Protein backbone atom coordinates (compact mmCIF):
# COMPACT_ATOMS: atom_id res chain seq x y z
CA MET A 1 -12.60 -19.83 7.07
CA ILE A 2 -12.63 -16.49 5.08
CA GLN A 3 -15.85 -16.04 3.02
CA THR A 4 -16.35 -13.82 0.08
CA ARG A 5 -18.95 -12.50 -1.92
CA GLU A 6 -18.04 -11.37 -5.60
CA LEU A 7 -18.01 -7.90 -5.70
CA PHE A 8 -17.00 -6.90 -10.00
CA GLU A 9 -15.24 -7.76 -12.65
CA ILE A 10 -13.10 -4.84 -13.87
CA ALA A 11 -10.80 -4.70 -16.71
CA LEU A 12 -8.34 -1.89 -17.30
CA ALA A 13 -7.03 -0.80 -20.62
CA VAL A 14 -3.27 -0.28 -20.33
CA PRO A 15 -1.79 1.33 -23.90
CA THR A 16 1.87 2.37 -22.63
CA ILE A 17 4.12 1.35 -19.95
CA VAL A 18 7.21 4.19 -19.42
CA ASP A 19 10.44 2.34 -18.43
CA VAL A 20 12.09 4.30 -15.60
CA GLY A 21 14.92 1.83 -15.73
CA GLN A 22 16.74 0.27 -12.64
CA THR A 23 16.46 2.34 -9.81
CA PRO A 24 18.10 1.65 -6.18
CA LEU A 25 14.83 -0.37 -5.43
CA GLY A 26 14.14 -2.33 -8.65
CA GLY A 27 13.55 -2.00 -12.02
CA ARG A 28 10.47 0.92 -12.02
CA LYS A 29 7.67 1.46 -14.84
CA ILE A 30 4.64 3.73 -15.07
CA ALA A 31 1.64 2.68 -16.67
CA THR A 32 -1.37 4.83 -17.80
CA VAL A 33 -5.03 3.56 -17.56
CA THR A 34 -6.70 5.19 -19.99
CA GLY A 35 -9.85 3.32 -19.19
CA GLY A 36 -11.85 -0.10 -18.62
CA THR A 37 -15.25 -1.24 -17.39
CA PHE A 38 -16.23 -2.88 -14.13
CA GLU A 39 -19.24 -5.01 -13.70
CA GLY A 40 -21.02 -6.66 -10.54
CA GLU A 41 -24.40 -7.27 -8.91
CA ARG A 42 -24.23 -4.25 -6.93
CA ILE A 43 -22.30 -1.80 -8.77
CA ARG A 44 -21.19 -1.36 -12.26
CA GLY A 45 -19.67 1.31 -14.78
CA THR A 46 -16.54 2.70 -16.02
CA VAL A 47 -12.88 3.49 -15.34
CA MET A 48 -12.35 7.01 -16.06
CA PRO A 49 -9.44 7.68 -18.53
CA SER A 50 -7.80 10.36 -16.01
CA PRO A 51 -5.98 10.17 -13.69
CA GLY A 52 -4.96 6.76 -13.20
CA GLY A 53 -1.80 4.68 -13.06
CA ASP A 54 0.30 1.91 -12.05
CA TRP A 55 3.40 2.32 -10.43
CA LEU A 56 5.37 -1.03 -10.71
CA LEU A 57 8.53 -1.97 -9.56
CA MET A 58 10.23 -5.58 -10.40
CA ARG A 59 11.89 -6.39 -7.23
CA THR A 60 15.16 -8.26 -7.26
CA ASP A 61 13.47 -11.30 -6.20
CA GLY A 62 11.47 -11.38 -9.43
CA VAL A 63 8.18 -10.30 -7.57
CA LEU A 64 6.33 -7.33 -9.61
CA THR A 65 4.61 -5.29 -7.17
CA LEU A 66 1.87 -2.80 -8.00
CA ASP A 67 0.61 0.36 -6.71
CA VAL A 68 -2.38 1.35 -8.37
CA ARG A 69 -4.91 4.34 -8.38
CA LEU A 70 -7.81 4.65 -10.00
CA THR A 71 -10.86 6.94 -10.84
CA LEU A 72 -14.39 4.52 -11.31
CA GLN A 73 -17.60 6.20 -12.17
CA THR A 74 -20.53 4.20 -11.54
CA ASP A 75 -23.44 3.88 -14.18
CA ASP A 76 -25.48 6.51 -12.04
CA GLY A 77 -22.73 8.76 -12.27
CA ALA A 78 -20.85 7.89 -8.67
CA ILE A 79 -17.33 8.44 -8.47
CA ILE A 80 -15.41 6.36 -6.22
CA TYR A 81 -11.28 6.22 -6.00
CA MET A 82 -10.11 2.65 -6.05
CA SER A 83 -6.79 2.02 -5.16
CA TYR A 84 -4.75 -1.15 -4.64
CA LYS A 85 -1.37 -2.96 -3.72
CA GLY A 86 -0.41 -6.12 -5.25
CA LEU A 87 1.90 -8.66 -6.69
CA ARG A 88 2.51 -10.80 -9.47
CA HIS A 89 4.99 -13.46 -10.21
CA GLY A 90 5.83 -17.09 -11.60
CA PRO A 91 8.16 -18.95 -13.30
CA PRO A 92 10.63 -17.24 -15.73
CA ASP A 93 9.10 -18.97 -18.79
CA VAL A 94 5.52 -17.96 -18.01
CA MET A 95 6.35 -13.99 -16.76
CA ALA A 96 8.62 -13.40 -20.44
CA LYS A 97 5.15 -14.36 -22.42
CA LEU A 98 3.35 -11.99 -20.29
CA ALA A 99 5.85 -9.74 -20.64
CA LYS A 100 6.10 -10.18 -24.54
CA GLY A 101 1.61 -9.62 -24.23
CA GLU A 102 1.09 -13.60 -24.75
CA ASP A 103 -2.25 -15.02 -23.32
CA VAL A 104 -0.90 -17.11 -20.45
CA ASP A 105 -3.32 -19.56 -18.30
CA PRO A 106 -3.94 -17.33 -15.03
CA SER A 107 -3.21 -20.47 -12.99
CA ALA A 108 0.56 -20.83 -13.96
CA TYR A 109 1.13 -17.30 -12.08
CA TYR A 110 0.40 -15.53 -8.91
CA PHE A 111 -1.23 -12.10 -9.31
CA ARG A 112 -3.20 -10.91 -6.13
CA ALA A 113 -4.14 -7.34 -4.97
CA THR A 114 -6.11 -5.79 -1.87
CA PRO A 115 -8.48 -3.06 -3.38
CA THR A 116 -9.74 -0.39 -0.95
CA PHE A 117 -12.74 2.25 -2.25
CA GLU A 118 -13.39 5.49 -1.03
CA THR A 119 -16.36 7.66 -2.18
CA ALA A 120 -18.59 10.80 -1.19
CA SER A 121 -21.66 9.02 -2.70
CA GLU A 122 -24.44 7.55 -0.79
CA THR A 123 -25.55 4.60 -2.41
CA TYR A 124 -22.16 3.51 -2.12
CA ALA A 125 -21.13 4.46 0.78
CA TRP A 126 -20.67 0.67 1.87
CA THR A 127 -17.84 0.49 -0.41
CA ASN A 128 -15.73 2.92 2.01
CA ARG A 129 -16.55 -0.18 4.89
CA ILE A 130 -15.39 -3.17 3.12
CA VAL A 131 -11.88 -5.24 2.89
CA SER A 132 -11.51 -6.73 -0.45
CA ILE A 133 -9.33 -8.98 -2.59
CA ALA A 134 -8.93 -9.62 -5.95
CA THR A 135 -7.49 -12.12 -8.23
CA GLY A 136 -5.83 -10.89 -11.54
CA ARG A 137 -5.02 -12.20 -15.25
CA ARG A 138 -2.99 -10.32 -17.44
CA ILE A 139 -4.06 -10.15 -21.17
CA ALA A 140 -2.39 -7.79 -23.77
CA THR A 141 -4.18 -4.75 -23.29
CA GLY A 142 -4.18 -4.69 -19.56
CA PRO A 143 -5.29 -6.53 -16.54
CA ILE A 144 -8.55 -8.17 -15.83
CA TYR A 145 -9.41 -8.41 -11.85
CA GLN A 146 -12.44 -10.56 -10.00
CA VAL A 147 -12.86 -8.63 -7.23
CA PHE A 148 -14.44 -10.03 -3.90
CA GLU A 149 -15.50 -8.33 -1.03
CA VAL A 150 -14.76 -10.27 2.31
CA LEU A 151 -17.19 -10.76 4.54
């Protein structure tokens, strides 16, 4: 049995997505993350506007892969590098609604990620030593994740 503890909720602002086109690996898009917020019992702050982004790949089997890199700044000024890989997929009609920016019940599709953290902060050094998982949902302005520490 896997046990987890909530780490934080993070909401990302993604105003632009560049469509690279159909590459040999699939449909490639690059999303710019311009900010956001994260908040939990032990850690909270903002997502720095730069650098940050999501390198998306729509595979031929209909699964969207995520490769995200973010810079977090805690409310007490610490800098934490957060990166994660993830998958998002679901029925074609549900995915079409998400692509249009429509609000879709997150239970109608699969959206999971595996965040890791890196920091020089002594206060948050514990984030360097944890495994985490996340469940996501997509709204028009960007993704929102519930991030959990695996105990």
